[in-house]
Structures are given as C-alpha cells and as structure tokens.
PDB file of all heavy atoms in Angstrom:
ATOM      1  N   TRP A   1     -16.693 -18.505  30.505  1.00  0.00           N
ATOM      2  CA  TRP A   1     -16.310 -19.790  29.918  1.00  0.00           C
ATOM      3  C   TRP A   1     -15.507 -20.646  30.888  1.00  0.00           C
ATOM      4  O   TRP A   1     -14.687 -20.145  31.639  1.00  0.00           O
ATOM      5  CB  TRP A   1     -15.512 -19.576  28.636  1.00  0.00           C
ATOM      6  CG  TRP A   1     -16.300 -18.877  27.582  1.00  0.00           C
ATOM      7  CD1 TRP A   1     -16.268 -17.560  27.251  1.00  0.00           C
ATOM      8  CD2 TRP A   1     -17.281 -19.473  26.722  1.00  0.00           C
ATOM      9  NE1 TRP A   1     -17.159 -17.275  26.258  1.00  0.00           N
ATOM     10  CE2 TRP A   1     -17.793 -18.418  25.909  1.00  0.00           C
ATOM     11  CE3 TRP A   1     -17.790 -20.767  26.570  1.00  0.00           C
ATOM     12  CZ2 TRP A   1     -18.784 -18.657  24.947  1.00  0.00           C
ATOM     13  CZ3 TRP A   1     -18.772 -20.987  25.599  1.00  0.00           C
ATOM     14  CH2 TRP A   1     -19.241 -19.951  24.817  1.00  0.00           C
ATOM     15  N   VAL A   2     -15.772 -21.937  30.824  1.00  0.00           N
ATOM     16  CA  VAL A   2     -15.026 -22.948  31.596  1.00  0.00           C
ATOM     17  C   VAL A   2     -14.661 -24.078  30.631  1.00  0.00           C
ATOM     18  O   VAL A   2     -15.523 -24.534  29.870  1.00  0.00           O
ATOM     19  CB  VAL A   2     -15.849 -23.506  32.769  1.00  0.00           C
ATOM     20  CG1 VAL A   2     -15.118 -24.674  33.451  1.00  0.00           C
ATOM     21  CG2 VAL A   2     -16.142 -22.419  33.784  1.00  0.00           C
ATOM     22  N   VAL A   3     -13.404 -24.510  30.653  1.00  0.00           N
ATOM     23  CA  VAL A   3     -12.977 -25.657  29.845  1.00  0.00           C
ATOM     24  C   VAL A   3     -12.331 -26.677  30.782  1.00  0.00           C
ATOM     25  O   VAL A   3     -11.836 -26.333  31.857  1.00  0.00           O
ATOM     26  CB  VAL A   3     -11.990 -25.234  28.735  1.00  0.00           C
ATOM     27  CG1 VAL A   3     -12.663 -24.331  27.729  1.00  0.00           C
ATOM     28  CG2 VAL A   3     -10.768 -24.553  29.331  1.00  0.00           C
ATOM     29  N   GLY A   4     -12.325 -27.936  30.363  1.00  0.00           N
ATOM     30  CA  GLY A   4     -11.752 -28.948  31.226  1.00  0.00           C
ATOM     31  C   GLY A   4     -11.693 -30.304  30.573  1.00  0.00           C
ATOM     32  O   GLY A   4     -12.047 -30.495  29.395  1.00  0.00           O
ATOM     33  N   VAL A   5     -11.240 -31.268  31.340  1.00  0.00           N
ATOM     34  CA  VAL A   5     -11.156 -32.658  30.913  1.00  0.00           C
ATOM     35  C   VAL A   5     -11.665 -33.547  32.037  1.00  0.00           C
ATOM     36  O   VAL A   5     -11.467 -33.218  33.225  1.00  0.00           O
ATOM     37  CB  VAL A   5      -9.708 -33.020  30.510  1.00  0.00           C
ATOM     38  CG1 VAL A   5      -8.772 -32.889  31.698  1.00  0.00           C
ATOM     39  CG2 VAL A   5      -9.629 -34.429  29.938  1.00  0.00           C
ATOM     40  N   VAL A   6     -12.308 -34.649  31.688  1.00  0.00           N
ATOM     41  CA  VAL A   6     -12.866 -35.557  32.700  1.00  0.00           C
ATOM     42  C   VAL A   6     -12.647 -36.991  32.258  1.00  0.00           C
ATOM     43  O   VAL A   6     -12.729 -37.330  31.065  1.00  0.00           O
ATOM     44  CB  VAL A   6     -14.377 -35.277  32.925  1.00  0.00           C
ATOM     45  CG1 VAL A   6     -15.177 -35.426  31.647  1.00  0.00           C
ATOM     46  CG2 VAL A   6     -14.928 -36.194  34.012  1.00  0.00           C
ATOM     47  N   VAL A   7     -12.328 -37.857  33.222  1.00  0.00           N
ATOM     48  CA  VAL A   7     -12.168 -39.293  33.006  1.00  0.00           C
ATOM     49  C   VAL A   7     -13.163 -40.005  33.931  1.00  0.00           C
ATOM     50  O   VAL A   7     -13.217 -39.685  35.126  1.00  0.00           O
ATOM     51  CB  VAL A   7     -10.737 -39.761  33.315  1.00  0.00           C
ATOM     52  CG1 VAL A   7     -10.588 -41.261  33.113  1.00  0.00           C
ATOM     53  CG2 VAL A   7      -9.722 -38.996  32.473  1.00  0.00           C
ATOM     54  N   ASP A   8     -13.937 -40.926  33.388  1.00  0.00           N
ATOM     55  CA  ASP A   8     -14.925 -41.604  34.253  1.00  0.00           C
ATOM     56  C   ASP A   8     -14.957 -43.099  33.969  1.00  0.00           C
ATOM     57  O   ASP A   8     -14.537 -43.583  32.910  1.00  0.00           O
ATOM     58  CB  ASP A   8     -16.312 -40.991  34.106  1.00  0.00           C
ATOM     59  CG  ASP A   8     -16.914 -41.147  32.709  1.00  0.00           C
ATOM     60  OD1 ASP A   8     -16.762 -42.222  32.114  1.00  0.00           O
ATOM     61  OD2 ASP A   8     -17.533 -40.207  32.233  1.00  0.00           O
ATOM     62  N   GLY A   9     -15.470 -43.839  34.945  1.00  0.00           N
ATOM     63  CA  GLY A   9     -15.701 -45.264  34.816  1.00  0.00           C
ATOM     64  C   GLY A   9     -17.077 -45.592  35.346  1.00  0.00           C
ATOM     65  O   GLY A   9     -17.458 -45.084  36.420  1.00  0.00           O
ATOM     66  N   THR A  10     -17.826 -46.411  34.629  1.00  0.00           N
ATOM     67  CA  THR A  10     -19.218 -46.700  34.998  1.00  0.00           C
ATOM     68  C   THR A  10     -19.484 -48.188  34.963  1.00  0.00           C
ATOM     69  O   THR A  10     -19.130 -48.876  33.989  1.00  0.00           O
ATOM     70  CB  THR A  10     -20.183 -45.995  34.014  1.00  0.00           C
ATOM     71  OG1 THR A  10     -19.895 -44.584  33.980  1.00  0.00           O
ATOM     72  CG2 THR A  10     -21.622 -46.203  34.433  1.00  0.00           C
ATOM     73  N   TRP A  11     -20.076 -48.690  36.030  1.00  0.00           N
ATOM     74  CA  TRP A  11     -20.486 -50.093  36.090  1.00  0.00           C
ATOM     75  C   TRP A  11     -21.824 -50.239  35.370  1.00  0.00           C
ATOM     76  O   TRP A  11     -22.796 -49.532  35.648  1.00  0.00           O
ATOM     77  CB  TRP A  11     -20.645 -50.503  37.557  1.00  0.00           C
ATOM     78  CG  TRP A  11     -21.225 -51.863  37.740  1.00  0.00           C
ATOM     79  CD1 TRP A  11     -20.627 -53.074  37.540  1.00  0.00           C
ATOM     80  CD2 TRP A  11     -22.554 -52.173  38.177  1.00  0.00           C
ATOM     81  NE1 TRP A  11     -21.482 -54.106  37.813  1.00  0.00           N
ATOM     82  CE2 TRP A  11     -22.687 -53.576  38.212  1.00  0.00           C
ATOM     83  CE3 TRP A  11     -23.655 -51.381  38.530  1.00  0.00           C
ATOM     84  CZ2 TRP A  11     -23.856 -54.219  38.589  1.00  0.00           C
ATOM     85  CZ3 TRP A  11     -24.829 -52.010  38.921  1.00  0.00           C
ATOM     86  CH2 TRP A  11     -24.921 -53.409  38.949  1.00  0.00           C
ATOM     87  N   LEU A  12     -21.867 -51.174  34.400  1.00  0.00           N
ATOM     88  CA  LEU A  12     -23.078 -51.389  33.597  1.00  0.00           C
ATOM     89  C   LEU A  12     -23.727 -52.729  33.887  1.00  0.00           C
ATOM     90  O   LEU A  12     -24.507 -53.231  33.092  1.00  0.00           O
ATOM     91  CB  LEU A  12     -22.728 -51.329  32.098  1.00  0.00           C
ATOM     92  CG  LEU A  12     -22.090 -50.046  31.566  1.00  0.00           C
ATOM     93  CD1 LEU A  12     -21.725 -50.220  30.089  1.00  0.00           C
ATOM     94  CD2 LEU A  12     -23.028 -48.851  31.746  1.00  0.00           C
ATOM     95  N   GLY A  13     -23.410 -53.335  35.014  1.00  0.00           N
ATOM     96  CA  GLY A  13     -23.858 -54.680  35.295  1.00  0.00           C
ATOM     97  C   GLY A  13     -25.359 -54.883  35.286  1.00  0.00           C
ATOM     98  O   GLY A  13     -25.832 -55.999  35.100  1.00  0.00           O
ATOM     99  N   ASN A  14     -26.111 -53.802  35.471  1.00  0.00           N
ATOM    100  CA  ASN A  14     -27.566 -53.944  35.481  1.00  0.00           C
ATOM    101  C   ASN A  14     -28.190 -53.551  34.139  1.00  0.00           C
ATOM    102  O   ASN A  14     -29.394 -53.596  33.979  1.00  0.00           O
ATOM    103  CB  ASN A  14     -28.158 -53.088  36.599  1.00  0.00           C
ATOM    104  CG  ASN A  14     -29.548 -53.532  36.991  1.00  0.00           C
ATOM    105  OD1 ASN A  14     -29.802 -54.722  37.155  1.00  0.00           O
ATOM    106  ND2 ASN A  14     -30.487 -52.591  37.091  1.00  0.00           N
ATOM    107  N   VAL A  15     -27.355 -53.115  33.181  1.00  0.00           N
ATOM    108  CA  VAL A  15     -27.836 -52.788  31.838  1.00  0.00           C
ATOM    109  C   VAL A  15     -27.779 -54.084  31.030  1.00  0.00           C
ATOM    110  O   VAL A  15     -26.734 -54.495  30.543  1.00  0.00           O
ATOM    111  CB  VAL A  15     -26.984 -51.695  31.185  1.00  0.00           C
ATOM    112  CG1 VAL A  15     -27.497 -51.377  29.791  1.00  0.00           C
ATOM    113  CG2 VAL A  15     -26.978 -50.437  32.048  1.00  0.00           C
ATOM    114  N   LYS A  16     -28.930 -54.757  30.902  1.00  0.00           N
ATOM    115  CA  LYS A  16     -28.907 -56.086  30.293  1.00  0.00           C
ATOM    116  C   LYS A  16     -30.123 -56.314  29.414  1.00  0.00           C
ATOM    117  O   LYS A  16     -31.106 -55.577  29.456  1.00  0.00           O
ATOM    118  CB  LYS A  16     -28.845 -57.147  31.376  1.00  0.00           C
ATOM    119  CG  LYS A  16     -29.895 -57.030  32.453  1.00  0.00           C
ATOM    120  CD  LYS A  16     -29.579 -58.001  33.589  1.00  0.00           C
ATOM    121  CE  LYS A  16     -30.558 -57.834  34.732  1.00  0.00           C
ATOM    122  NZ  LYS A  16     -30.258 -58.753  35.847  1.00  0.00           N
ATOM    123  N   SER A  17     -29.989 -57.361  28.609  1.00  0.00           N
ATOM    124  CA  SER A  17     -31.013 -57.724  27.652  1.00  0.00           C
ATOM    125  C   SER A  17     -31.481 -59.141  27.974  1.00  0.00           C
ATOM    126  O   SER A  17     -30.683 -60.049  28.160  1.00  0.00           O
ATOM    127  CB  SER A  17     -30.441 -57.653  26.233  1.00  0.00           C
ATOM    128  OG  SER A  17     -31.112 -58.453  25.362  1.00  0.00           O
ATOM    129  N   ASP A  18     -32.805 -59.330  28.030  1.00  0.00           N
ATOM    130  CA  ASP A  18     -33.343 -60.646  28.385  1.00  0.00           C
ATOM    131  C   ASP A  18     -33.409 -61.591  27.194  1.00  0.00           C
ATOM    132  O   ASP A  18     -33.331 -62.803  27.347  1.00  0.00           O
ATOM    133  CB  ASP A  18     -34.743 -60.507  28.982  1.00  0.00           C
ATOM    134  CG  ASP A  18     -34.704 -59.777  30.331  1.00  0.00           C
ATOM    135  OD1 ASP A  18     -33.682 -59.923  31.030  1.00  0.00           O
ATOM    136  OD2 ASP A  18     -35.679 -59.101  30.655  1.00  0.00           O
ATOM    137  N   ASP A  19     -33.522 -61.023  25.971  1.00  0.00           N
ATOM    138  CA  ASP A  19     -33.764 -61.900  24.835  1.00  0.00           C
ATOM    139  C   ASP A  19     -32.537 -62.730  24.444  1.00  0.00           C
ATOM    140  O   ASP A  19     -32.659 -63.872  23.996  1.00  0.00           O
ATOM    141  CB  ASP A  19     -34.273 -61.092  23.636  1.00  0.00           C
ATOM    142  CG  ASP A  19     -33.401 -59.916  23.318  1.00  0.00           C
ATOM    143  OD1 ASP A  19     -32.450 -59.661  24.077  1.00  0.00           O
ATOM    144  OD2 ASP A  19     -33.655 -59.240  22.306  1.00  0.00           O
ATOM    145  N   VAL A  20     -31.321 -62.152  24.578  1.00  0.00           N
ATOM    146  CA  VAL A  20     -30.117 -62.917  24.218  1.00  0.00           C
ATOM    147  C   VAL A  20     -29.200 -63.095  25.428  1.00  0.00           C
ATOM    148  O   VAL A  20     -28.051 -63.478  25.293  1.00  0.00           O
ATOM    149  CB  VAL A  20     -29.347 -62.235  23.078  1.00  0.00           C
ATOM    150  CG1 VAL A  20     -30.146 -62.236  21.818  1.00  0.00           C
ATOM    151  CG2 VAL A  20     -28.938 -60.808  23.480  1.00  0.00           C
ATOM    152  N   ASN A  21     -29.718 -62.837  26.628  1.00  0.00           N
ATOM    153  CA  ASN A  21     -28.930 -62.965  27.850  1.00  0.00           C
ATOM    154  C   ASN A  21     -27.619 -62.190  27.765  1.00  0.00           C
ATOM    155  O   ASN A  21     -26.535 -62.688  28.097  1.00  0.00           O
ATOM    156  CB  ASN A  21     -28.650 -64.438  28.137  1.00  0.00           C
ATOM    157  CG  ASN A  21     -28.244 -64.663  29.587  1.00  0.00           C
ATOM    158  OD1 ASN A  21     -28.550 -63.835  30.444  1.00  0.00           O
ATOM    159  ND2 ASN A  21     -27.556 -65.756  29.865  1.00  0.00           N
ATOM    160  N   GLY A  22     -27.723 -60.954  27.265  1.00  0.00           N
ATOM    161  CA  GLY A  22     -26.552 -60.097  27.164  1.00  0.00           C
ATOM    162  C   GLY A  22     -26.591 -58.999  28.206  1.00  0.00           C
ATOM    163  O   GLY A  22     -27.652 -58.608  28.688  1.00  0.00           O
ATOM    164  N   ARG A  23     -25.414 -58.492  28.556  1.00  0.00           N
ATOM    165  CA  ARG A  23     -25.355 -57.415  29.547  1.00  0.00           C
ATOM    166  C   ARG A  23     -24.092 -56.613  29.342  1.00  0.00           C
ATOM    167  O   ARG A  23     -23.099 -57.071  28.785  1.00  0.00           O
ATOM    168  CB  ARG A  23     -25.381 -57.978  30.963  1.00  0.00           C
ATOM    169  CG  ARG A  23     -24.203 -58.825  31.324  1.00  0.00           C
ATOM    170  CD  ARG A  23     -24.386 -59.534  32.641  1.00  0.00           C
ATOM    171  NE  ARG A  23     -24.613 -58.596  33.738  1.00  0.00           N
ATOM    172  CZ  ARG A  23     -25.154 -58.958  34.907  1.00  0.00           C
ATOM    173  NH1 ARG A  23     -25.523 -60.208  35.100  1.00  0.00           N
ATOM    174  NH2 ARG A  23     -25.306 -58.084  35.865  1.00  0.00           N
ATOM    175  N   GLY A  24     -24.130 -55.378  29.826  1.00  0.00           N
ATOM    176  CA  GLY A  24     -22.942 -54.549  29.851  1.00  0.00           C
ATOM    177  C   GLY A  24     -22.141 -54.841  31.113  1.00  0.00           C
ATOM    178  O   GLY A  24     -22.717 -55.164  32.165  1.00  0.00           O
ATOM    179  N   GLU A  25     -20.851 -54.768  31.031  1.00  0.00           N
ATOM    180  CA  GLU A  25     -19.985 -54.956  32.202  1.00  0.00           C
ATOM    181  C   GLU A  25     -19.498 -53.620  32.748  1.00  0.00           C
ATOM    182  O   GLU A  25     -19.713 -53.303  33.918  1.00  0.00           O
ATOM    183  CB  GLU A  25     -18.793 -55.832  31.811  1.00  0.00           C
ATOM    184  CG  GLU A  25     -19.173 -57.236  31.356  1.00  0.00           C
ATOM    185  CD  GLU A  25     -19.705 -58.101  32.484  1.00  0.00           C
ATOM    186  OE1 GLU A  25     -19.444 -57.772  33.658  1.00  0.00           O
ATOM    187  OE2 GLU A  25     -20.363 -59.108  32.183  1.00  0.00           O
ATOM    188  N   TYR A  26     -18.872 -52.823  31.907  1.00  0.00           N
ATOM    189  CA  TYR A  26     -18.412 -51.509  32.322  1.00  0.00           C
ATOM    190  C   TYR A  26     -18.237 -50.615  31.113  1.00  0.00           C
ATOM    191  O   TYR A  26     -18.194 -51.082  29.968  1.00  0.00           O
ATOM    192  CB  TYR A  26     -17.113 -51.588  33.119  1.00  0.00           C
ATOM    193  CG  TYR A  26     -15.951 -52.189  32.353  1.00  0.00           C
ATOM    194  CD1 TYR A  26     -15.235 -51.439  31.410  1.00  0.00           C
ATOM    195  CD2 TYR A  26     -15.548 -53.502  32.584  1.00  0.00           C
ATOM    196  CE1 TYR A  26     -14.169 -51.988  30.713  1.00  0.00           C
ATOM    197  CE2 TYR A  26     -14.497 -54.058  31.885  1.00  0.00           C
ATOM    198  CZ  TYR A  26     -13.807 -53.289  30.954  1.00  0.00           C
ATOM    199  OH  TYR A  26     -12.765 -53.837  30.256  1.00  0.00           O
ATOM    200  N   MET A  27     -18.145 -49.327  31.366  1.00  0.00           N
ATOM    201  CA  MET A  27     -17.922 -48.329  30.322  1.00  0.00           C
ATOM    202  C   MET A  27     -16.984 -47.256  30.895  1.00  0.00           C
ATOM    203  O   MET A  27     -17.106 -46.876  32.067  1.00  0.00           O
ATOM    204  CB  MET A  27     -19.254 -47.690  29.890  1.00  0.00           C
ATOM    205  CG  MET A  27     -19.107 -46.493  28.973  1.00  0.00           C
ATOM    206  SD  MET A  27     -20.732 -45.763  28.570  1.00  0.00           S
ATOM    207  CE  MET A  27     -20.254 -44.264  27.732  1.00  0.00           C
ATOM    208  N   GLY A  28     -16.064 -46.784  30.079  1.00  0.00           N
ATOM    209  CA  GLY A  28     -15.172 -45.702  30.492  1.00  0.00           C
ATOM    210  C   GLY A  28     -15.074 -44.653  29.389  1.00  0.00           C
ATOM    211  O   GLY A  28     -15.184 -44.986  28.201  1.00  0.00           O
ATOM    212  N   THR A  29     -14.880 -43.404  29.763  1.00  0.00           N
ATOM    213  CA  THR A  29     -14.715 -42.339  28.784  1.00  0.00           C
ATOM    214  C   THR A  29     -13.579 -41.398  29.204  1.00  0.00           C
ATOM    215  O   THR A  29     -13.288 -41.259  30.392  1.00  0.00           O
ATOM    216  CB  THR A  29     -16.009 -41.499  28.610  1.00  0.00           C
ATOM    217  OG1 THR A  29     -16.200 -40.641  29.743  1.00  0.00           O
ATOM    218  CG2 THR A  29     -17.225 -42.378  28.418  1.00  0.00           C
ATOM    219  N   VAL A  30     -12.978 -40.779  28.207  1.00  0.00           N
ATOM    220  CA  VAL A  30     -12.044 -39.670  28.397  1.00  0.00           C
ATOM    221  C   VAL A  30     -12.573 -38.541  27.530  1.00  0.00           C
ATOM    222  O   VAL A  30     -12.600 -38.665  26.308  1.00  0.00           O
ATOM    223  CB  VAL A  30     -10.606 -40.055  27.986  1.00  0.00           C
ATOM    224  CG1 VAL A  30      -9.670 -38.858  28.168  1.00  0.00           C
ATOM    225  CG2 VAL A  30     -10.118 -41.245  28.787  1.00  0.00           C
ATOM    226  N   ARG A  31     -12.998 -37.448  28.160  1.00  0.00           N
ATOM    227  CA  ARG A  31     -13.721 -36.409  27.431  1.00  0.00           C
ATOM    228  C   ARG A  31     -13.199 -35.009  27.731  1.00  0.00           C
ATOM    229  O   ARG A  31     -12.713 -34.725  28.809  1.00  0.00           O
ATOM    230  CB  ARG A  31     -15.218 -36.433  27.803  1.00  0.00           C
ATOM    231  CG  ARG A  31     -15.932 -37.701  27.404  1.00  0.00           C
ATOM    232  CD  ARG A  31     -17.368 -37.722  27.897  1.00  0.00           C
ATOM    233  NE  ARG A  31     -17.465 -38.002  29.331  1.00  0.00           N
ATOM    234  CZ  ARG A  31     -17.984 -37.202  30.222  1.00  0.00           C
ATOM    235  NH1 ARG A  31     -18.461 -36.009  29.874  1.00  0.00           N
ATOM    236  NH2 ARG A  31     -18.043 -37.570  31.497  1.00  0.00           N
ATOM    237  N   GLY A  32     -13.341 -34.146  26.741  1.00  0.00           N
ATOM    238  CA  GLY A  32     -13.172 -32.725  26.969  1.00  0.00           C
ATOM    239  C   GLY A  32     -14.507 -32.080  27.259  1.00  0.00           C
ATOM    240  O   GLY A  32     -15.566 -32.620  26.866  1.00  0.00           O
ATOM    241  N   ARG A  33     -14.472 -30.967  27.976  1.00  0.00           N
ATOM    242  CA  ARG A  33     -15.721 -30.236  28.279  1.00  0.00           C
ATOM    243  C   ARG A  33     -15.495 -28.746  28.007  1.00  0.00           C
ATOM    244  O   ARG A  33     -14.417 -28.207  28.269  1.00  0.00           O
ATOM    245  CB  ARG A  33     -16.126 -30.378  29.754  1.00  0.00           C
ATOM    246  CG  ARG A  33     -16.503 -31.745  30.195  1.00  0.00           C
ATOM    247  CD  ARG A  33     -17.388 -31.731  31.454  1.00  0.00           C
ATOM    248  NE  ARG A  33     -16.964 -30.783  32.469  1.00  0.00           N
ATOM    249  CZ  ARG A  33     -17.686 -30.476  33.553  1.00  0.00           C
ATOM    250  NH1 ARG A  33     -18.889 -30.999  33.714  1.00  0.00           N
ATOM    251  NH2 ARG A  33     -17.225 -29.647  34.461  1.00  0.00           N
ATOM    252  N   ILE A  34     -16.498 -28.107  27.465  1.00  0.00           N
ATOM    253  CA  ILE A  34     -16.490 -26.638  27.349  1.00  0.00           C
ATOM    254  C   ILE A  34     -17.860 -26.140  27.774  1.00  0.00           C
ATOM    255  O   ILE A  34     -18.894 -26.697  27.355  1.00  0.00           O
ATOM    256  CB  ILE A  34     -16.130 -26.184  25.920  1.00  0.00           C
ATOM    257  CG1 ILE A  34     -16.115 -24.656  25.851  1.00  0.00           C
ATOM    258  CG2 ILE A  34     -17.067 -26.785  24.873  1.00  0.00           C
ATOM    259  CD1 ILE A  34     -15.498 -24.112  24.584  1.00  0.00           C
ATOM    260  N   GLY A  35     -17.859 -25.153  28.663  1.00  0.00           N
ATOM    261  CA  GLY A  35     -19.120 -24.712  29.230  1.00  0.00           C
ATOM    262  C   GLY A  35     -19.277 -23.221  29.256  1.00  0.00           C
ATOM    263  O   GLY A  35     -18.297 -22.458  29.229  1.00  0.00           O
ATOM    264  N   PHE A  36     -20.524 -22.782  29.312  1.00  0.00           N
ATOM    265  CA  PHE A  36     -20.892 -21.355  29.361  1.00  0.00           C
ATOM    266  C   PHE A  36     -21.553 -21.068  30.693  1.00  0.00           C
ATOM    267  O   PHE A  36     -22.340 -21.881  31.193  1.00  0.00           O
ATOM    268  CB  PHE A  36     -21.859 -21.025  28.209  1.00  0.00           C
ATOM    269  CG  PHE A  36     -22.381 -19.621  28.248  1.00  0.00           C
ATOM    270  CD1 PHE A  36     -21.555 -18.553  27.922  1.00  0.00           C
ATOM    271  CD2 PHE A  36     -23.687 -19.367  28.629  1.00  0.00           C
ATOM    272  CE1 PHE A  36     -22.034 -17.251  27.964  1.00  0.00           C
ATOM    273  CE2 PHE A  36     -24.174 -18.066  28.670  1.00  0.00           C
ATOM    274  CZ  PHE A  36     -23.344 -17.015  28.343  1.00  0.00           C
ATOM    275  N   LEU A  37     -21.231 -19.916  31.273  1.00  0.00           N
ATOM    276  CA  LEU A  37     -21.750 -19.519  32.586  1.00  0.00           C
ATOM    277  C   LEU A  37     -22.760 -18.385  32.439  1.00  0.00           C
ATOM    278  O   LEU A  37     -22.401 -17.219  32.460  1.00  0.00           O
ATOM    279  CB  LEU A  37     -20.597 -19.065  33.496  1.00  0.00           C
ATOM    280  CG  LEU A  37     -19.592 -20.114  33.923  1.00  0.00           C
ATOM    281  CD1 LEU A  37     -18.369 -19.452  34.582  1.00  0.00           C
ATOM    282  CD2 LEU A  37     -20.214 -21.114  34.893  1.00  0.00           C
TER     283      LEU A  37
END
C-alpha cells in the first residue's frame, strides 16, 4: 500500500467551445491518493 497527497495546476486555455465562444482558463485540485502495489 501507498498513500499520499497531491496538489496540481492545469492550464485549460485550449479547452474551448466554438458555439458560445467559451473556454477554460485553468483548473487546480488538492487530492488524496491511495494505491495498491
């Protein structure tokens, strides 16, 4: 078993919609992780 925590930031500038001219700017998460080996 492995447990942990991770913080990330993601640029979403290319995730966009043509119909309403909408787009993502950025996304961030703070997450726990639990894993099996």
